[in-house]
PDB file of N, CA and C in Angstrom:
ATOM      1  N   UNK A   1     -30.689  30.616  21.872  1.00  0.00           N
ATOM      2  CA  UNK A   1     -30.081  30.343  20.596  1.00  0.00           C
ATOM      3  C   UNK A   1     -31.068  30.757  19.494  1.00  0.00           C
ATOM      4  N   UNK A   2     -30.584  31.519  18.562  1.00  0.00           N
ATOM      5  CA  UNK A   2     -31.480  31.967  17.494  1.00  0.00           C
ATOM      6  C   UNK A   2     -31.319  31.080  16.258  1.00  0.00           C
ATOM      7  N   UNK A   3     -32.130  31.368  15.259  1.00  0.00           N
ATOM      8  CA  UNK A   3     -32.149  30.558  14.044  1.00  0.00           C
ATOM      9  C   UNK A   3     -30.808  30.605  13.302  1.00  0.00           C
ATOM     10  N   UNK A   4     -30.129  31.717  13.275  1.00  0.00           N
ATOM     11  CA  UNK A   4     -28.846  31.842  12.573  1.00  0.00           C
ATOM     12  C   UNK A   4     -27.787  30.961  13.213  1.00  0.00           C
ATOM     13  N   UNK A   5     -27.781  30.904  14.555  1.00  0.00           N
ATOM     14  CA  UNK A   5     -26.824  30.040  15.249  1.00  0.00           C
ATOM     15  C   UNK A   5     -27.075  28.568  14.926  1.00  0.00           C
ATOM     16  N   UNK A   6     -28.340  28.194  14.899  1.00  0.00           N
ATOM     17  CA  UNK A   6     -28.700  26.807  14.598  1.00  0.00           C
ATOM     18  C   UNK A   6     -28.283  26.453  13.167  1.00  0.00           C
ATOM     19  N   UNK A   7     -28.551  27.349  12.223  1.00  0.00           N
ATOM     20  CA  UNK A   7     -28.173  27.101  10.831  1.00  0.00           C
ATOM     21  C   UNK A   7     -26.656  27.005  10.680  1.00  0.00           C
ATOM     22  N   UNK A   8     -25.925  27.843  11.403  1.00  0.00           N
ATOM     23  CA  UNK A   8     -24.467  27.809  11.339  1.00  0.00           C
ATOM     24  C   UNK A   8     -23.939  26.477  11.883  1.00  0.00           C
ATOM     25  N   UNK A   9     -24.511  26.007  12.978  1.00  0.00           N
ATOM     26  CA  UNK A   9     -24.079  24.722  13.537  1.00  0.00           C
ATOM     27  C   UNK A   9     -24.463  23.563  12.612  1.00  0.00           C
ATOM     28  N   UNK A  10     -25.635  23.630  12.010  1.00  0.00           N
ATOM     29  CA  UNK A  10     -26.033  22.590  11.069  1.00  0.00           C
ATOM     30  C   UNK A  10     -25.100  22.566   9.863  1.00  0.00           C
ATOM     31  N   UNK A  11     -24.700  23.736   9.425  1.00  0.00           N
ATOM     32  CA  UNK A  11     -23.774  23.840   8.298  1.00  0.00           C
ATOM     33  C   UNK A  11     -22.415  23.233   8.660  1.00  0.00           C
ATOM     34  N   UNK A  12     -21.935  23.530   9.849  1.00  0.00           N
ATOM     35  CA  UNK A  12     -20.664  22.969  10.300  1.00  0.00           C
ATOM     36  C   UNK A  12     -20.755  21.455  10.426  1.00  0.00           C
ATOM     37  N   UNK A  13     -21.855  20.962  10.942  1.00  0.00           N
ATOM     38  CA  UNK A  13     -22.036  19.517  11.085  1.00  0.00           C
ATOM     39  C   UNK A  13     -22.063  18.855   9.716  1.00  0.00           C
ATOM     40  N   UNK A  14     -22.760  19.453   8.771  1.00  0.00           N
ATOM     41  CA  UNK A  14     -22.817  18.895   7.414  1.00  0.00           C
ATOM     42  C   UNK A  14     -21.422  18.862   6.798  1.00  0.00           C
ATOM     43  N   UNK A  15     -20.654  19.934   6.989  1.00  0.00           N
ATOM     44  CA  UNK A  15     -19.287  19.986   6.469  1.00  0.00           C
ATOM     45  C   UNK A  15     -18.440  18.880   7.100  1.00  0.00           C
ATOM     46  N   UNK A  16     -18.537  18.723   8.422  1.00  0.00           N
ATOM     47  CA  UNK A  16     -17.752  17.703   9.115  1.00  0.00           C
ATOM     48  C   UNK A  16     -18.160  16.291   8.689  1.00  0.00           C
ATOM     49  N   UNK A  17     -19.451  16.071   8.469  1.00  0.00           N
ATOM     50  CA  UNK A  17     -19.899  14.763   8.009  1.00  0.00           C
ATOM     51  C   UNK A  17     -19.345  14.457   6.619  1.00  0.00           C
ATOM     52  N   UNK A  18     -19.337  15.451   5.726  1.00  0.00           N
ATOM     53  CA  UNK A  18     -18.796  15.251   4.389  1.00  0.00           C
ATOM     54  C   UNK A  18     -17.290  14.994   4.454  1.00  0.00           C
ATOM     55  N   UNK A  19     -16.571  15.765   5.265  1.00  0.00           N
ATOM     56  CA  UNK A  19     -15.128  15.569   5.409  1.00  0.00           C
ATOM     57  C   UNK A  19     -14.832  14.182   5.984  1.00  0.00           C
ATOM     58  N   UNK A  20     -15.612  13.766   6.946  1.00  0.00           N
ATOM     59  CA  UNK A  20     -15.433  12.434   7.542  1.00  0.00           C
ATOM     60  C   UNK A  20     -15.658  11.343   6.505  1.00  0.00           C
ATOM     61  N   UNK A  21     -16.660  11.504   5.682  1.00  0.00           N
ATOM     62  CA  UNK A  21     -16.935  10.521   4.638  1.00  0.00           C
ATOM     63  C   UNK A  21     -15.801  10.470   3.619  1.00  0.00           C
ATOM     64  N   UNK A  22     -15.292  11.623   3.217  1.00  0.00           N
ATOM     65  CA  UNK A  22     -14.180  11.664   2.271  1.00  0.00           C
ATOM     66  C   UNK A  22     -12.931  11.022   2.862  1.00  0.00           C
ATOM     67  N   UNK A  23     -12.651  11.305   4.119  1.00  0.00           N
ATOM     68  CA  UNK A  23     -11.496  10.697   4.773  1.00  0.00           C
ATOM     69  C   UNK A  23     -11.663   9.182   4.897  1.00  0.00           C
ATOM     70  N   UNK A  24     -12.862   8.755   5.153  1.00  0.00           N
ATOM     71  CA  UNK A  24     -13.127   7.323   5.243  1.00  0.00           C
ATOM     72  C   UNK A  24     -12.861   6.650   3.899  1.00  0.00           C
ATOM     73  N   UNK A  25     -13.271   7.292   2.814  1.00  0.00           N
ATOM     74  CA  UNK A  25     -13.010   6.747   1.474  1.00  0.00           C
ATOM     75  C   UNK A  25     -11.519   6.671   1.195  1.00  0.00           C
ATOM     76  N   UNK A  26     -10.772   7.688   1.609  1.00  0.00           N
ATOM     77  CA  UNK A  26      -9.325   7.701   1.398  1.00  0.00           C
ATOM     78  C   UNK A  26      -8.668   6.572   2.188  1.00  0.00           C
ATOM     79  N   UNK A  27      -9.055   6.409   3.426  1.00  0.00           N
ATOM     80  CA  UNK A  27      -8.482   5.352   4.264  1.00  0.00           C
ATOM     81  C   UNK A  27      -8.816   3.982   3.684  1.00  0.00           C
ATOM     82  N   UNK A  28     -10.026   3.814   3.188  1.00  0.00           N
ATOM     83  CA  UNK A  28     -10.419   2.538   2.573  1.00  0.00           C
ATOM     84  C   UNK A  28      -9.550   2.253   1.348  1.00  0.00           C
ATOM     85  N   UNK A  29      -9.338   3.260   0.528  1.00  0.00           N
ATOM     86  CA  UNK A  29      -8.488   3.079  -0.646  1.00  0.00           C
ATOM     87  C   UNK A  29      -7.060   2.751  -0.268  1.00  0.00           C
ATOM     88  N   UNK A  30      -6.554   3.415   0.753  1.00  0.00           N
ATOM     89  CA  UNK A  30      -5.199   3.129   1.210  1.00  0.00           C
ATOM     90  C   UNK A  30      -5.089   1.715   1.754  1.00  0.00           C
ATOM     91  N   UNK A  31      -6.102   1.250   2.442  1.00  0.00           N
ATOM     92  CA  UNK A  31      -6.092  -0.105   2.982  1.00  0.00           C
ATOM     93  C   UNK A  31      -6.061  -1.129   1.851  1.00  0.00           C
ATOM     94  N   UNK A  32      -6.853  -0.902   0.811  1.00  0.00           N
ATOM     95  CA  UNK A  32      -6.856  -1.815  -0.335  1.00  0.00           C
ATOM     96  C   UNK A  32      -5.497  -1.823  -1.022  1.00  0.00           C
ATOM     97  N   UNK A  33      -4.899  -0.644  -1.180  1.00  0.00           N
ATOM     98  CA  UNK A  33      -3.579  -0.546  -1.801  1.00  0.00           C
ATOM     99  C   UNK A  33      -2.530  -1.246  -0.940  1.00  0.00           C
ATOM    100  N   UNK A  34      -2.622  -1.084   0.357  1.00  0.00           N
ATOM    101  CA  UNK A  34      -1.692  -1.735   1.272  1.00  0.00           C
ATOM    102  C   UNK A  34      -1.812  -3.255   1.176  1.00  0.00           C
ATOM    103  N   UNK A  35      -3.024  -3.757   1.113  1.00  0.00           N
ATOM    104  CA  UNK A  35      -3.226  -5.199   0.974  1.00  0.00           C
ATOM    105  C   UNK A  35      -2.652  -5.708  -0.344  1.00  0.00           C
ATOM    106  N   UNK A  36      -2.844  -4.941  -1.428  1.00  0.00           N
ATOM    107  CA  UNK A  36      -2.312  -5.335  -2.727  1.00  0.00           C
ATOM    108  C   UNK A  36      -0.785  -5.350  -2.699  1.00  0.00           C
ATOM    109  N   UNK A  37      -0.185  -4.331  -2.082  1.00  0.00           N
ATOM    110  CA  UNK A  37       1.270  -4.269  -1.998  1.00  0.00           C
ATOM    111  C   UNK A  37       1.840  -5.378  -1.115  1.00  0.00           C
ATOM    112  N   UNK A  38       1.142  -5.712  -0.049  1.00  0.00           N
ATOM    113  CA  UNK A  38       1.594  -6.816   0.801  1.00  0.00           C
ATOM    114  C   UNK A  38       1.573  -8.139   0.041  1.00  0.00           C
ATOM    115  N   UNK A  39       0.525  -8.351  -0.734  1.00  0.00           N
ATOM    116  CA  UNK A  39       0.439  -9.583  -1.520  1.00  0.00           C
ATOM    117  C   UNK A  39       1.559  -9.624  -2.560  1.00  0.00           C
ATOM    118  N   UNK A  40       1.815  -8.490  -3.187  1.00  0.00           N
ATOM    119  CA  UNK A  40       2.882  -8.432  -4.179  1.00  0.00           C
ATOM    120  C   UNK A  40       4.240  -8.671  -3.526  1.00  0.00           C
ATOM    121  N   UNK A  41       4.461  -8.084  -2.369  1.00  0.00           N
ATOM    122  CA  UNK A  41       5.709  -8.283  -1.641  1.00  0.00           C
ATOM    123  C   UNK A  41       5.882  -9.747  -1.258  1.00  0.00           C
ATOM    124  N   UNK A  42       4.819 -10.379  -0.804  1.00  0.00           N
ATOM    125  CA  UNK A  42       4.880 -11.789  -0.443  1.00  0.00           C
ATOM    126  C   UNK A  42       5.220 -12.645  -1.659  1.00  0.00           C
ATOM    127  N   UNK A  43       4.618 -12.317  -2.789  1.00  0.00           N
ATOM    128  CA  UNK A  43       4.900 -13.049  -4.022  1.00  0.00           C
ATOM    129  C   UNK A  43       6.362 -12.893  -4.419  1.00  0.00           C
ATOM    130  N   UNK A  44       6.873 -11.678  -4.355  1.00  0.00           N
ATOM    131  CA  UNK A  44       8.272 -11.448  -4.705  1.00  0.00           C
ATOM    132  C   UNK A  44       9.216 -12.135  -3.727  1.00  0.00           C
ATOM    133  N   UNK A  45       8.878 -12.123  -2.448  1.00  0.00           N
ATOM    134  CA  UNK A  45       9.713 -12.788  -1.446  1.00  0.00           C
ATOM    135  C   UNK A  45       9.747 -14.294  -1.705  1.00  0.00           C
ATOM    136  N   UNK A  46       8.618 -14.856  -2.074  1.00  0.00           N
ATOM    137  CA  UNK A  46       8.566 -16.286  -2.376  1.00  0.00           C
ATOM    138  C   UNK A  46       9.410 -16.616  -3.601  1.00  0.00           C
ATOM    139  N   UNK A  47       9.309 -15.776  -4.631  1.00  0.00           N
ATOM    140  CA  UNK A  47      10.117 -16.006  -5.839  1.00  0.00           C
ATOM    141  C   UNK A  47      11.602 -15.884  -5.534  1.00  0.00           C
ATOM    142  N   UNK A  48      11.972 -14.881  -4.753  1.00  0.00           N
ATOM    143  CA  UNK A  48      13.376 -14.685  -4.400  1.00  0.00           C
ATOM    144  C   UNK A  48      13.895 -15.860  -3.587  1.00  0.00           C
ATOM    145  N   UNK A  49      13.086 -16.322  -2.657  1.00  0.00           N
ATOM    146  CA  UNK A  49      13.486 -17.472  -1.837  1.00  0.00           C
ATOM    147  C   UNK A  49      13.689 -18.715  -2.700  1.00  0.00           C
ATOM    148  N   UNK A  50      12.808 -18.922  -3.664  1.00  0.00           N
ATOM    149  CA  UNK A  50      12.954 -20.097  -4.516  1.00  0.00           C
ATOM    150  C   UNK A  50      14.188 -19.973  -5.403  1.00  0.00           C
ATOM    151  N   UNK A  51      14.496 -18.779  -5.864  1.00  0.00           N
ATOM    152  CA  UNK A  51      15.698 -18.590  -6.682  1.00  0.00           C
ATOM    153  C   UNK A  51      16.968 -18.789  -5.858  1.00  0.00           C
ATOM    154  N   UNK A  52      16.956 -18.323  -4.624  1.00  0.00           N
ATOM    155  CA  UNK A  52      18.132 -18.469  -3.761  1.00  0.00           C
ATOM    156  C   UNK A  52      18.337 -19.915  -3.335  1.00  0.00           C
ATOM    157  N   UNK A  53      17.263 -20.659  -3.201  1.00  0.00           N
ATOM    158  CA  UNK A  53      17.388 -22.041  -2.756  1.00  0.00           C
ATOM    159  C   UNK A  53      17.902 -22.960  -3.864  1.00  0.00           C
ATOM    160  N   UNK A  54      17.797 -22.526  -5.109  1.00  0.00           N
ATOM    161  CA  UNK A  54      18.291 -23.342  -6.215  1.00  0.00           C
ATOM    162  C   UNK A  54      19.811 -23.414  -6.214  1.00  0.00           C
ATOM    163  N   UNK A  55      20.461 -22.456  -5.624  1.00  0.00           N
ATOM    164  CA  UNK A  55      21.912 -22.437  -5.593  1.00  0.00           C
ATOM    165  C   UNK A  55      22.471 -21.830  -6.864  1.00  0.00           C
ATOM    166  N   UNK A  56      23.740 -21.543  -6.852  1.00  0.00           N
ATOM    167  CA  UNK A  56      24.331 -20.937  -8.041  1.00  0.00           C
ATOM    168  C   UNK A  56      24.410 -21.947  -9.190  1.00  0.00           C
ATOM    169  N   UNK A  57      24.283 -21.446 -10.399  1.00  0.00           N
ATOM    170  CA  UNK A  57      24.354 -22.315 -11.564  1.00  0.00           C
ATOM    171  C   UNK A  57      25.785 -22.791 -11.797  1.00  0.00           C
ATOM    172  N   UNK A  58      26.756 -21.957 -11.441  1.00  0.00           N
ATOM    173  CA  UNK A  58      28.164 -22.280 -11.640  1.00  0.00           C
ATOM    174  C   UNK A  58      28.939 -22.001 -10.358  1.00  0.00           C
ATOM    175  N   UNK A  59      29.924 -22.805 -10.129  1.00  0.00           N
ATOM    176  CA  UNK A  59      30.844 -22.497  -9.042  1.00  0.00           C
ATOM    177  C   UNK A  59      31.833 -21.475  -9.572  1.00  0.00           C
ATOM    178  N   UNK A  60      32.526 -20.761  -8.703  1.00  0.00           N
ATOM    179  CA  UNK A  60      33.507 -19.778  -9.192  1.00  0.00           C
ATOM    180  C   UNK A  60      34.563 -20.391 -10.107  1.00  0.00           C
ATOM    181  N   UNK A  61      34.907 -21.646  -9.890  1.00  0.00           N
ATOM    182  CA  UNK A  61      35.893 -22.300 -10.744  1.00  0.00           C
ATOM    183  C   UNK A  61      35.331 -22.579 -12.136  1.00  0.00           C
ATOM    184  N   UNK A  62      34.039 -22.810 -12.235  1.00  0.00           N
ATOM    185  CA  UNK A  62      33.405 -23.119 -13.515  1.00  0.00           C
ATOM    186  C   UNK A  62      33.059 -21.867 -14.329  1.00  0.00           C
ATOM    187  N   UNK A  63      32.944 -20.769 -13.681  1.00  0.00           N
ATOM    188  CA  UNK A  63      32.538 -19.555 -14.362  1.00  0.00           C
ATOM    189  C   UNK A  63      33.658 -19.015 -15.234  1.00  0.00           C
ATOM    190  N   UNK A  64      33.310 -18.563 -16.431  1.00  0.00           N
ATOM    191  CA  UNK A  64      34.313 -18.041 -17.338  1.00  0.00           C
ATOM    192  C   UNK A  64      34.720 -16.636 -16.929  1.00  0.00           C
ATOM    193  N   UNK A  65      35.949 -16.294 -17.131  1.00  0.00           N
ATOM    194  CA  UNK A  65      36.386 -14.928 -16.814  1.00  0.00           C
ATOM    195  C   UNK A  65      35.641 -13.902 -17.680  1.00  0.00           C
ATOM    196  N   UNK A  66      35.518 -12.689 -17.212  1.00  0.00           N
ATOM    197  CA  UNK A  66      34.713 -11.680 -17.931  1.00  0.00           C
ATOM    198  C   UNK A  66      35.260 -11.321 -19.306  1.00  0.00           C
ATOM    199  N   UNK A  67      36.539 -11.565 -19.583  1.00  0.00           N
ATOM    200  CA  UNK A  67      37.078 -11.167 -20.885  1.00  0.00           C
ATOM    201  C   UNK A  67      36.765 -12.161 -21.990  1.00  0.00           C
ATOM    202  N   UNK A  68      36.100 -13.282 -21.699  1.00  0.00           N
ATOM    203  CA  UNK A  68      35.732 -14.241 -22.732  1.00  0.00           C
ATOM    204  C   UNK A  68      34.411 -13.901 -23.346  1.00  0.00           C
TER     205      UNK A  68
END
């Protein structure tokens, strides 16, 4: 193996290490975003559940027709 081959392999390794680091940063960011979205979804589900459990404000008989 000559010096040019070694330099070429070192260059490829450096490129792969940089790409791996960039991909790791992207995955970390996606994980944080996923956690934030899950928390938001849980919050919305809780709010929806509480609104549904309150029941309707009016029964169909009590509700005014749309033309009023």
